[in-house]
C-alpha atoms as a PDB file:
ATOM      1  CA  MET A   1     -47.629 -27.426  65.025  1.00  0.00           C
ATOM      2  CA  SER A   2     -44.466 -29.382  64.342  1.00  0.00           C
ATOM      3  CA  LEU A   3     -41.960 -28.259  61.766  1.00  0.00           C
ATOM      4  CA  ASP A   4     -39.597 -30.577  59.934  1.00  0.00           C
ATOM      5  CA  ILE A   5     -36.173 -29.073  59.294  1.00  0.00           C
ATOM      6  CA  LYS A   6     -34.264 -30.649  56.420  1.00  0.00           C
ATOM      7  CA  ILE A   7     -30.615 -30.144  55.551  1.00  0.00           C
ATOM      8  CA  CYS A   8     -30.202 -31.236  51.935  1.00  0.00           C
ATOM      9  CA  GLY A   9     -27.182 -31.979  49.802  1.00  0.00           C
ATOM     10  CA  VAL A  10     -25.194 -33.475  52.665  1.00  0.00           C
ATOM     11  CA  ASN A  11     -22.142 -35.091  51.087  1.00  0.00           C
ATOM     12  CA  THR A  12     -19.417 -35.557  53.720  1.00  0.00           C
ATOM     13  CA  PRO A  13     -19.259 -37.229  57.144  1.00  0.00           C
ATOM     14  CA  GLU A  14     -18.423 -33.842  58.691  1.00  0.00           C
ATOM     15  CA  ALA A  15     -21.432 -32.092  57.146  1.00  0.00           C
ATOM     16  CA  LEU A  16     -23.689 -34.935  58.150  1.00  0.00           C
ATOM     17  CA  GLU A  17     -22.443 -34.873  61.732  1.00  0.00           C
ATOM     18  CA  ALA A  18     -23.073 -31.123  61.864  1.00  0.00           C
ATOM     19  CA  ALA A  19     -26.662 -31.638  60.731  1.00  0.00           C
ATOM     20  CA  LEU A  20     -27.204 -34.450  63.216  1.00  0.00           C
ATOM     21  CA  ALA A  21     -25.610 -32.483  66.047  1.00  0.00           C
ATOM     22  CA  ALA A  22     -27.958 -29.591  65.289  1.00  0.00           C
ATOM     23  CA  ARG A  23     -30.806 -32.105  65.512  1.00  0.00           C
ATOM     24  CA  ALA A  24     -32.146 -31.617  62.009  1.00  0.00           C
ATOM     25  CA  ASP A  25     -35.219 -33.768  61.429  1.00  0.00           C
ATOM     26  CA  MET A  26     -34.240 -34.807  57.918  1.00  0.00           C
ATOM     27  CA  VAL A  27     -30.980 -35.098  55.990  1.00  0.00           C
ATOM     28  CA  GLY A  28     -31.017 -35.180  52.210  1.00  0.00           C
ATOM     29  CA  PHE A  29     -28.629 -37.064  49.926  1.00  0.00           C
ATOM     30  CA  VAL A  30     -28.425 -36.120  46.242  1.00  0.00           C
ATOM     31  CA  SER A  31     -28.002 -38.398  43.247  1.00  0.00           C
ATOM     32  CA  PHE A  32     -27.616 -36.109  40.239  1.00  0.00           C
ATOM     33  CA  ALA A  33     -24.331 -36.187  38.359  1.00  0.00           C
ATOM     34  CA  ARG A  34     -24.329 -32.474  37.493  1.00  0.00           C
ATOM     35  CA  SER A  35     -24.721 -31.406  41.106  1.00  0.00           C
ATOM     36  CA  PRO A  36     -21.727 -30.510  43.315  1.00  0.00           C
ATOM     37  CA  ARG A  37     -23.598 -32.447  46.016  1.00  0.00           C
ATOM     38  CA  HIS A  38     -23.825 -35.688  43.996  1.00  0.00           C
ATOM     39  CA  LEU A  39     -23.153 -38.974  45.754  1.00  0.00           C
ATOM     40  CA  SER A  40     -22.560 -42.492  44.455  1.00  0.00           C
ATOM     41  CA  PRO A  41     -24.574 -45.379  45.914  1.00  0.00           C
ATOM     42  CA  ALA A  42     -21.497 -46.457  47.886  1.00  0.00           C
ATOM     43  CA  ALA A  43     -21.058 -42.999  49.403  1.00  0.00           C
ATOM     44  CA  MET A  44     -24.750 -42.910  50.255  1.00  0.00           C
ATOM     45  CA  ALA A  45     -24.500 -46.257  51.991  1.00  0.00           C
ATOM     46  CA  ALA A  46     -21.641 -45.026  54.179  1.00  0.00           C
ATOM     47  CA  LEU A  47     -23.386 -41.782  55.113  1.00  0.00           C
ATOM     48  CA  GLY A  48     -26.668 -43.578  55.641  1.00  0.00           C
ATOM     49  CA  ALA A  49     -25.005 -45.864  58.176  1.00  0.00           C
ATOM     50  CA  GLN A  50     -23.651 -42.801  59.969  1.00  0.00           C
ATOM     51  CA  VAL A  51     -27.180 -41.448  60.441  1.00  0.00           C
ATOM     52  CA  ALA A  52     -27.979 -44.423  62.687  1.00  0.00           C
ATOM     53  CA  GLY A  53     -31.587 -43.421  63.237  1.00  0.00           C
ATOM     54  CA  ARG A  54     -30.828 -39.880  64.416  1.00  0.00           C
ATOM     55  CA  ALA A  55     -32.736 -38.286  61.541  1.00  0.00           C
ATOM     56  CA  ARG A  56     -34.888 -39.324  58.603  1.00  0.00           C
ATOM     57  CA  LYS A  57     -32.975 -40.026  55.409  1.00  0.00           C
ATOM     58  CA  VAL A  58     -34.192 -38.437  52.176  1.00  0.00           C
ATOM     59  CA  LEU A  59     -33.035 -39.609  48.748  1.00  0.00           C
ATOM     60  CA  LEU A  60     -33.157 -36.841  46.130  1.00  0.00           C
ATOM     61  CA  THR A  61     -33.154 -37.908  42.481  1.00  0.00           C
ATOM     62  CA  VAL A  62     -33.865 -36.162  39.196  1.00  0.00           C
ATOM     63  CA  ASP A  63     -35.793 -38.152  36.591  1.00  0.00           C
ATOM     64  CA  ALA A  64     -34.058 -41.355  37.682  1.00  0.00           C
ATOM     65  CA  SER A  65     -34.808 -44.689  36.053  1.00  0.00           C
ATOM     66  CA  ASP A  66     -36.124 -47.675  37.971  1.00  0.00           C
ATOM     67  CA  ALA A  67     -32.684 -49.307  37.784  1.00  0.00           C
ATOM     68  CA  GLU A  68     -30.997 -46.218  39.221  1.00  0.00           C
ATOM     69  CA  LEU A  69     -33.572 -45.988  41.975  1.00  0.00           C
ATOM     70  CA  GLU A  70     -33.197 -49.669  42.803  1.00  0.00           C
ATOM     71  CA  ALA A  71     -29.464 -49.247  43.432  1.00  0.00           C
ATOM     72  CA  LEU A  72     -29.876 -46.042  45.428  1.00  0.00           C
ATOM     73  CA  VAL A  73     -32.740 -47.298  47.577  1.00  0.00           C
ATOM     74  CA  ALA A  74     -30.803 -50.465  48.358  1.00  0.00           C
ATOM     75  CA  ALA A  75     -27.746 -48.394  49.349  1.00  0.00           C
ATOM     76  CA  LEU A  76     -29.407 -45.685  51.453  1.00  0.00           C
ATOM     77  CA  ARG A  77     -32.633 -47.322  52.637  1.00  0.00           C
ATOM     78  CA  PRO A  78     -34.340 -43.916  52.659  1.00  0.00           C
ATOM     79  CA  ASP A  79     -37.322 -42.882  54.711  1.00  0.00           C
ATOM     80  CA  LEU A  80     -38.508 -40.577  51.931  1.00  0.00           C
ATOM     81  CA  LEU A  81     -37.942 -40.286  48.172  1.00  0.00           C
ATOM     82  CA  GLN A  82     -37.668 -36.723  46.863  1.00  0.00           C
ATOM     83  CA  LEU A  83     -38.396 -36.534  43.136  1.00  0.00           C
ATOM     84  CA  HIS A  84     -36.923 -33.252  41.945  1.00  0.00           C
ATOM     85  CA  GLY A  85     -37.127 -33.519  38.176  1.00  0.00           C
ATOM     86  CA  GLU A  86     -39.830 -33.407  35.520  1.00  0.00           C
ATOM     87  CA  GLU A  87     -41.521 -36.574  36.787  1.00  0.00           C
ATOM     88  CA  SER A  88     -45.192 -36.680  35.777  1.00  0.00           C
ATOM     89  CA  PRO A  89     -47.930 -37.472  38.310  1.00  0.00           C
ATOM     90  CA  GLU A  90     -48.137 -40.921  36.704  1.00  0.00           C
ATOM     91  CA  ARG A  91     -44.410 -41.481  37.230  1.00  0.00           C
ATOM     92  CA  VAL A  92     -44.657 -40.330  40.859  1.00  0.00           C
ATOM     93  CA  ALA A  93     -47.468 -42.809  41.483  1.00  0.00           C
ATOM     94  CA  GLN A  94     -45.505 -45.596  39.816  1.00  0.00           C
ATOM     95  CA  VAL A  95     -42.365 -44.922  41.894  1.00  0.00           C
ATOM     96  CA  ARG A  96     -44.359 -44.751  45.115  1.00  0.00           C
ATOM     97  CA  ALA A  97     -46.132 -48.042  44.403  1.00  0.00           C
ATOM     98  CA  HIS A  98     -43.053 -49.883  43.165  1.00  0.00           C
ATOM     99  CA  PHE A  99     -40.659 -48.962  45.974  1.00  0.00           C
ATOM    100  CA  GLY A 100     -43.107 -48.765  48.853  1.00  0.00           C
ATOM    101  CA  VAL A 101     -41.382 -45.648  50.198  1.00  0.00           C
ATOM    102  CA  PRO A 102     -43.196 -42.332  50.841  1.00  0.00           C
ATOM    103  CA  VAL A 103     -42.628 -39.783  48.088  1.00  0.00           C
ATOM    104  CA  MET A 104     -42.189 -36.011  48.176  1.00  0.00           C
ATOM    105  CA  LYS A 105     -42.575 -34.291  44.807  1.00  0.00           C
ATOM    106  CA  ALA A 106     -40.779 -31.017  44.239  1.00  0.00           C
ATOM    107  CA  ILE A 107     -42.750 -28.405  42.308  1.00  0.00           C
ATOM    108  CA  SER A 108     -40.888 -25.423  40.873  1.00  0.00           C
ATOM    109  CA  ILE A 109     -42.611 -22.070  41.397  1.00  0.00           C
ATOM    110  CA  ARG A 110     -42.135 -18.667  39.790  1.00  0.00           C
ATOM    111  CA  THR A 111     -45.683 -17.444  39.140  1.00  0.00           C
ATOM    112  CA  ALA A 112     -49.203 -18.382  40.233  1.00  0.00           C
ATOM    113  CA  GLN A 113     -49.581 -20.364  37.012  1.00  0.00           C
ATOM    114  CA  ASP A 114     -47.049 -22.892  38.324  1.00  0.00           C
ATOM    115  CA  LEU A 115     -49.506 -23.880  41.062  1.00  0.00           C
ATOM    116  CA  ALA A 116     -51.822 -25.448  38.488  1.00  0.00           C
ATOM    117  CA  ALA A 117     -49.861 -28.705  38.809  1.00  0.00           C
ATOM    118  CA  VAL A 118     -50.442 -28.980  42.561  1.00  0.00           C
ATOM    119  CA  PRO A 119     -53.717 -30.998  42.633  1.00  0.00           C
ATOM    120  CA  ALA A 120     -52.412 -33.719  40.314  1.00  0.00           C
ATOM    121  CA  TYR A 121     -49.197 -34.140  42.293  1.00  0.00           C
ATOM    122  CA  ALA A 122     -50.951 -33.911  45.661  1.00  0.00           C
ATOM    123  CA  ALA A 123     -53.119 -36.872  44.634  1.00  0.00           C
ATOM    124  CA  VAL A 124     -50.105 -39.167  44.245  1.00  0.00           C
ATOM    125  CA  SER A 125     -47.540 -37.798  46.726  1.00  0.00           C
ATOM    126  CA  ASP A 126     -47.123 -38.026  50.482  1.00  0.00           C
ATOM    127  CA  ARG A 127     -45.579 -34.552  50.676  1.00  0.00           C
ATOM    128  CA  LEU A 128     -45.034 -31.594  48.395  1.00  0.00           C
ATOM    129  CA  LEU A 129     -41.937 -29.405  48.274  1.00  0.00           C
ATOM    130  CA  PHE A 130     -42.204 -25.949  46.744  1.00  0.00           C
ATOM    131  CA  ASP A 131     -38.899 -24.729  45.322  1.00  0.00           C
ATOM    132  CA  ALA A 132     -37.934 -21.713  43.240  1.00  0.00           C
ATOM    133  CA  LYS A 133     -38.029 -22.346  39.499  1.00  0.00           C
ATOM    134  CA  PRO A 134     -34.487 -22.224  38.088  1.00  0.00           C
ATOM    135  CA  GLN A 135     -33.510 -19.493  35.664  1.00  0.00           C
ATOM    136  CA  PRO A 136     -33.531 -20.514  31.982  1.00  0.00           C
ATOM    137  CA  GLY A 137     -30.427 -22.504  31.155  1.00  0.00           C
ATOM    138  CA  ALA A 138     -29.664 -23.396  34.779  1.00  0.00           C
ATOM    139  CA  VAL A 139     -27.795 -26.672  35.264  1.00  0.00           C
ATOM    140  CA  LEU A 140     -29.510 -27.649  38.506  1.00  0.00           C
ATOM    141  CA  PRO A 141     -33.248 -28.012  39.195  1.00  0.00           C
ATOM    142  CA  GLY A 142     -32.704 -26.890  42.797  1.00  0.00           C
ATOM    143  CA  GLY A 143     -30.032 -25.706  45.202  1.00  0.00           C
ATOM    144  CA  ASN A 144     -29.581 -22.471  43.267  1.00  0.00           C
ATOM    145  CA  GLY A 145     -30.155 -20.043  46.125  1.00  0.00           C
ATOM    146  CA  ILE A 146     -33.168 -18.427  44.445  1.00  0.00           C
ATOM    147  CA  VAL A 147     -36.157 -17.205  46.459  1.00  0.00           C
ATOM    148  CA  PHE A 148     -39.664 -17.109  44.978  1.00  0.00           C
ATOM    149  CA  ASP A 149     -42.657 -15.068  46.124  1.00  0.00           C
ATOM    150  CA  TRP A 150     -43.841 -16.975  49.190  1.00  0.00           C
ATOM    151  CA  SER A 151     -47.164 -15.141  49.176  1.00  0.00           C
ATOM    152  CA  LEU A 152     -48.166 -17.318  46.222  1.00  0.00           C
ATOM    153  CA  LEU A 153     -48.652 -20.155  48.722  1.00  0.00           C
ATOM    154  CA  ARG A 154     -51.075 -18.273  50.961  1.00  0.00           C
ATOM    155  CA  GLY A 155     -54.441 -19.973  51.073  1.00  0.00           C
ATOM    156  CA  LEU A 156     -53.087 -23.079  49.374  1.00  0.00           C
ATOM    157  CA  ASP A 157     -54.263 -26.333  50.959  1.00  0.00           C
ATOM    158  CA  PRO A 158     -53.119 -29.332  48.908  1.00  0.00           C
ATOM    159  CA  GLY A 159     -54.172 -31.797  51.587  1.00  0.00           C
ATOM    160  CA  ARG A 160     -50.581 -32.939  52.015  1.00  0.00           C
ATOM    161  CA  PRO A 161     -47.722 -31.718  54.219  1.00  0.00           C
ATOM    162  CA  VAL A 162     -45.907 -28.824  52.550  1.00  0.00           C
ATOM    163  CA  MET A 163     -42.195 -28.043  52.693  1.00  0.00           C
ATOM    164  CA  LEU A 164     -40.572 -24.846  51.442  1.00  0.00           C
ATOM    165  CA  SER A 165     -37.229 -24.554  49.713  1.00  0.00           C
ATOM    166  CA  GLY A 166     -35.473 -22.077  47.474  1.00  0.00           C
ATOM    167  CA  GLY A 167     -32.988 -19.526  48.764  1.00  0.00           C
ATOM    168  CA  LEU A 168     -33.620 -20.173  52.447  1.00  0.00           C
ATOM    169  CA  ASP A 169     -30.805 -19.404  54.866  1.00  0.00           C
ATOM    170  CA  PRO A 170     -30.359 -18.584  58.565  1.00  0.00           C
ATOM    171  CA  THR A 171     -31.305 -14.936  57.978  1.00  0.00           C
ATOM    172  CA  ASN A 172     -34.636 -15.411  56.197  1.00  0.00           C
ATOM    173  CA  VAL A 173     -36.055 -18.745  57.360  1.00  0.00           C
ATOM    174  CA  ALA A 174     -37.956 -17.112  60.240  1.00  0.00           C
ATOM    175  CA  GLN A 175     -39.623 -14.721  57.794  1.00  0.00           C
ATOM    176  CA  ALA A 176     -40.589 -17.632  55.556  1.00  0.00           C
ATOM    177  CA  ILE A 177     -42.148 -19.551  58.438  1.00  0.00           C
ATOM    178  CA  ALA A 178     -44.103 -16.465  59.496  1.00  0.00           C
ATOM    179  CA  SER A 179     -45.283 -15.769  55.937  1.00  0.00           C
ATOM    180  CA  VAL A 180     -47.128 -18.971  55.016  1.00  0.00           C
ATOM    181  CA  PRO A 181     -48.375 -22.163  56.701  1.00  0.00           C
ATOM    182  CA  LEU A 182     -45.623 -24.774  56.447  1.00  0.00           C
ATOM    183  CA  ASP A 183     -44.921 -28.269  57.659  1.00  0.00           C
ATOM    184  CA  GLY A 184     -41.217 -28.063  56.916  1.00  0.00           C
ATOM    185  CA  VAL A 185     -38.297 -26.053  55.577  1.00  0.00           C
ATOM    186  CA  ASP A 186     -35.498 -27.343  53.367  1.00  0.00           C
ATOM    187  CA  VAL A 187     -32.068 -25.772  52.890  1.00  0.00           C
ATOM    188  CA  SER A 188     -29.034 -26.638  50.806  1.00  0.00           C
ATOM    189  CA  SER A 189     -26.978 -23.778  49.333  1.00  0.00           C
ATOM    190  CA  GLY A 190     -28.075 -21.475  52.157  1.00  0.00           C
ATOM    191  CA  VAL A 191     -25.876 -23.367  54.626  1.00  0.00           C
ATOM    192  CA  GLU A 192     -22.804 -23.610  52.386  1.00  0.00           C
ATOM    193  CA  SER A 193     -19.534 -21.698  52.196  1.00  0.00           C
ATOM    194  CA  ALA A 194     -19.139 -22.712  48.521  1.00  0.00           C
ATOM    195  CA  PRO A 195     -21.230 -24.849  46.152  1.00  0.00           C
ATOM    196  CA  GLY A 196     -21.458 -28.302  47.715  1.00  0.00           C
ATOM    197  CA  VAL A 197     -19.428 -27.343  50.802  1.00  0.00           C
ATOM    198  CA  LYS A 198     -21.571 -27.302  53.945  1.00  0.00           C
ATOM    199  CA  ALA A 199     -20.657 -24.874  56.745  1.00  0.00           C
ATOM    200  CA  PRO A 200     -21.358 -26.408  60.178  1.00  0.00           C
ATOM    201  CA  GLU A 201     -21.937 -23.028  61.800  1.00  0.00           C
ATOM    202  CA  LYS A 202     -24.542 -22.129  59.160  1.00  0.00           C
ATOM    203  CA  ILE A 203     -26.293 -25.473  59.632  1.00  0.00           C
ATOM    204  CA  ALA A 204     -26.528 -24.861  63.372  1.00  0.00           C
ATOM    205  CA  ALA A 205     -27.749 -21.302  62.845  1.00  0.00           C
ATOM    206  CA  PHE A 206     -30.400 -22.384  60.349  1.00  0.00           C
ATOM    207  CA  VAL A 207     -31.842 -25.075  62.598  1.00  0.00           C
ATOM    208  CA  GLU A 208     -31.825 -22.729  65.588  1.00  0.00           C
ATOM    209  CA  ALA A 209     -33.553 -19.936  63.655  1.00  0.00           C
ATOM    210  CA  ALA A 210     -36.191 -22.257  62.230  1.00  0.00           C
ATOM    211  CA  ARG A 211     -37.012 -23.773  65.608  1.00  0.00           C
ATOM    212  CA  ALA A 212     -37.200 -20.367  67.293  1.00  0.00           C
ATOM    213  CA  ALA A 213     -39.524 -19.066  64.585  1.00  0.00           C
ATOM    214  CA  ARG A 214     -41.926 -21.963  65.003  1.00  0.00           C
ATOM    215  CA  LEU A 215     -42.050 -21.454  68.767  1.00  0.00           C
ATOM    216  CA  SER A 216     -42.643 -17.710  68.556  1.00  0.00           C
END
């Protein structure tokens, strides 16, 4: 089974080149003003050009308006839209239909009760991403370095490819892959030396560990 490896929150040419050199399958670009990984449309356009087909480009937004999405999609020309806010299933369907780009909806998980939303989102999304639910009062909806109980996903079959995020890093990604069936893993803070600062050596180690785990 193939495994997509995504490096998210890439925000400099150097970080992007590290992800591409490691042969990550996907690179994620964040548009969320409160995030240390936030990029303007112009910055996204420049980084998107640097990708040059070497990986799939993912645009991460948080409850963005149509106008915001229009500008970002035009700048990045993403292969996948990652909706990481409180978007309803109806909003996900509307975005997917309007922009004609595959959509991955992030679902925040802390307890089994949080899985109740899965069927509705699976019906309107091309992929699902399970991330750890932020602590109350957290500024960011993701990229907080929090791990949730992966066993909650055992036996879950939403009928869509599933990616896992939330506190993954080079030391635990193999355990995550061995714990539950996955189609992809997604890392952001786990390959950083400081918030928003990607560490090339951690990117390389994460991709290597994830690939080795899938092959084992």
